[in-house]
Every structure is written in C-alpha cells, then in structure tokens.
Amino acid sequence: MEAWVKTVLAQCQKKHADLAVNAQEREARIDPEYIQSLDALREAVANDERFRFLVSTAHAKIEAWRSMESTRRAERSVG
C-alpha cells in the first residue's frame, strides 16, 4: 500500500515537470489525488490494526475455552 502512495506521489510530481524538483514535490504533496491516497492508506492501516486486535482477542478467547475444558475434563476424571 505504501508503494502505491509513492507511485501516486510520483505521478503528481510528473504533473509539475516544469518546476524544480523540490517544487514538484511540494505541489504533489498538496495535490488532492495524493491527499486522497494518504486518506486511503490511513483507513487501511486503521482497519488492519482493528482486525489484528480482533484476531488476537479471538485467540485469547479460544485459549481460555481450551483451558476451562481441560480443567473440566481433569475434574471429571478425578471425581
């Protein structure tokens, strides 16, 4: 995804080929297309973090269930 944002930046810089390189970059960084790509990247990263958290939570719940089931089986075999 970051590579895509860099590509968008380069494409935006190309629109201003008549300017100096630092001016091209400045103009590209305020281009709506580049800003939109940054917003998309921010949303993708937020979603990725959210889903990582949900997966981690699910794993913790599964491990808790496995532990409770193991304890339940042990109690049944002793009793």
C-alpha atoms as a PDB file:
ATOM      1  CA  MET A   1       0.000   0.000   0.000  1.00  0.00           C
ATOM      2  CA  GLU A   2       2.846   2.396   0.808  1.00  0.00           C
ATOM      3  CA  ALA A   3       4.348   1.673  -2.610  1.00  0.00           C
ATOM      4  CA  TRP A   4       1.039   2.703  -4.178  1.00  0.00           C
ATOM      5  CA  VAL A   5       1.133   6.020  -2.286  1.00  0.00           C
ATOM      6  CA  LYS A   6       4.695   6.613  -3.518  1.00  0.00           C
ATOM      7  CA  THR A   7       3.526   5.931  -7.067  1.00  0.00           C
ATOM      8  CA  VAL A   8       0.703   8.448  -6.691  1.00  0.00           C
ATOM      9  CA  LEU A   9       3.201  10.994  -5.359  1.00  0.00           C
ATOM     10  CA  ALA A  10       5.472  10.417  -8.360  1.00  0.00           C
ATOM     11  CA  GLN A  11       2.540  10.775 -10.751  1.00  0.00           C
ATOM     12  CA  CYS A  12       1.529  14.017  -9.085  1.00  0.00           C
ATOM     13  CA  GLN A  13       5.109  15.286  -9.290  1.00  0.00           C
ATOM     14  CA  LYS A  14       5.128  14.490 -13.002  1.00  0.00           C
ATOM     15  CA  LYS A  15       2.217  16.915 -13.471  1.00  0.00           C
ATOM     16  CA  HIS A  16       4.619  19.702 -12.451  1.00  0.00           C
ATOM     17  CA  ALA A  17       7.643  18.670 -14.526  1.00  0.00           C
ATOM     18  CA  ASP A  18       8.289  22.294 -15.446  1.00  0.00           C
ATOM     19  CA  LEU A  19       9.190  23.128 -11.818  1.00  0.00           C
ATOM     20  CA  ALA A  20      12.304  22.400  -9.782  1.00  0.00           C
ATOM     21  CA  VAL A  21      12.321  19.014  -8.039  1.00  0.00           C
ATOM     22  CA  ASN A  22      11.598  20.429  -4.582  1.00  0.00           C
ATOM     23  CA  ALA A  23       8.728  22.497  -6.021  1.00  0.00           C
ATOM     24  CA  GLN A  24       7.395  19.410  -7.812  1.00  0.00           C
ATOM     25  CA  GLU A  25       7.317  17.544  -4.524  1.00  0.00           C
ATOM     26  CA  ARG A  26       5.679  20.458  -2.721  1.00  0.00           C
ATOM     27  CA  GLU A  27       2.954  20.710  -5.360  1.00  0.00           C
ATOM     28  CA  ALA A  28       2.482  16.945  -5.462  1.00  0.00           C
ATOM     29  CA  ARG A  29       2.029  16.748  -1.691  1.00  0.00           C
ATOM     30  CA  ILE A  30      -0.890  19.189  -1.810  1.00  0.00           C
ATOM     31  CA  ASP A  31      -2.493  17.524  -4.832  1.00  0.00           C
ATOM     32  CA  PRO A  32      -5.988  16.198  -3.970  1.00  0.00           C
ATOM     33  CA  GLU A  33      -5.165  12.839  -5.559  1.00  0.00           C
ATOM     34  CA  TYR A  34      -2.152  12.395  -3.259  1.00  0.00           C
ATOM     35  CA  ILE A  35      -4.101  13.521  -0.205  1.00  0.00           C
ATOM     36  CA  GLN A  36      -6.855  11.059  -1.112  1.00  0.00           C
ATOM     37  CA  SER A  37      -4.271   8.262  -1.337  1.00  0.00           C
ATOM     38  CA  LEU A  38      -2.960   9.178   2.123  1.00  0.00           C
ATOM     39  CA  ASP A  39      -6.509   9.065   3.498  1.00  0.00           C
ATOM     40  CA  ALA A  40      -6.994   5.623   1.932  1.00  0.00           C
ATOM     41  CA  LEU A  41      -3.699   4.441   3.447  1.00  0.00           C
ATOM     42  CA  ARG A  42      -4.697   5.770   6.873  1.00  0.00           C
ATOM     43  CA  GLU A  43      -8.034   3.944   6.674  1.00  0.00           C
ATOM     44  CA  ALA A  44      -6.369   0.711   5.518  1.00  0.00           C
ATOM     45  CA  VAL A  45      -3.858   0.835   8.372  1.00  0.00           C
ATOM     46  CA  ALA A  46      -6.632   1.514  10.900  1.00  0.00           C
ATOM     47  CA  ASN A  47      -8.664  -1.418   9.575  1.00  0.00           C
ATOM     48  CA  ASP A  48      -5.616  -3.668   9.647  1.00  0.00           C
ATOM     49  CA  GLU A  49      -4.900  -2.773  13.267  1.00  0.00           C
ATOM     50  CA  ARG A  50      -8.555  -3.278  14.198  1.00  0.00           C
ATOM     51  CA  PHE A  51      -8.664  -6.724  12.599  1.00  0.00           C
ATOM     52  CA  ARG A  52      -5.350  -7.706  14.194  1.00  0.00           C
ATOM     53  CA  PHE A  53      -6.850  -6.798  17.572  1.00  0.00           C
ATOM     54  CA  LEU A  54      -9.997  -8.820  16.836  1.00  0.00           C
ATOM     55  CA  VAL A  55      -7.922 -11.863  15.836  1.00  0.00           C
ATOM     56  CA  SER A  56      -5.824 -11.522  18.978  1.00  0.00           C
ATOM     57  CA  THR A  57      -8.990 -11.298  21.079  1.00  0.00           C
ATOM     58  CA  ALA A  58     -10.420 -14.380  19.384  1.00  0.00           C
ATOM     59  CA  HIS A  59      -7.222 -16.331  20.068  1.00  0.00           C
ATOM     60  CA  ALA A  60      -7.347 -15.332  23.734  1.00  0.00           C
ATOM     61  CA  LYS A  61     -10.972 -16.494  23.991  1.00  0.00           C
ATOM     62  CA  ILE A  62     -10.116 -19.807  22.369  1.00  0.00           C
ATOM     63  CA  GLU A  63      -7.202 -20.358  24.747  1.00  0.00           C
ATOM     64  CA  ALA A  64      -9.413 -19.541  27.741  1.00  0.00           C
ATOM     65  CA  TRP A  65     -12.036 -22.004  26.499  1.00  0.00           C
ATOM     66  CA  ARG A  66      -9.379 -24.699  25.965  1.00  0.00           C
ATOM     67  CA  SER A  67      -8.079 -24.163  29.490  1.00  0.00           C
ATOM     68  CA  MET A  68     -11.576 -24.375  31.003  1.00  0.00           C
ATOM     69  CA  GLU A  69     -12.321 -27.545  29.029  1.00  0.00           C
ATOM     70  CA  SER A  70      -9.053 -29.102  30.157  1.00  0.00           C
ATOM     71  CA  THR A  71      -9.867 -28.284  33.762  1.00  0.00           C
ATOM     72  CA  ARG A  72     -13.379 -29.672  33.341  1.00  0.00           C
ATOM     73  CA  ARG A  73     -12.023 -32.933  31.879  1.00  0.00           C
ATOM     74  CA  ALA A  74      -9.481 -33.239  34.715  1.00  0.00           C
ATOM     75  CA  GLU A  75     -12.183 -32.684  37.350  1.00  0.00           C
ATOM     76  CA  ARG A  76     -14.379 -35.322  35.721  1.00  0.00           C
ATOM     77  CA  SER A  77     -11.602 -37.911  35.670  1.00  0.00           C
ATOM     78  CA  VAL A  78     -10.746 -37.310  39.343  1.00  0.00           C
ATOM     79  CA  GLY A  79     -14.319 -37.195  40.581  1.00  0.00           C
END
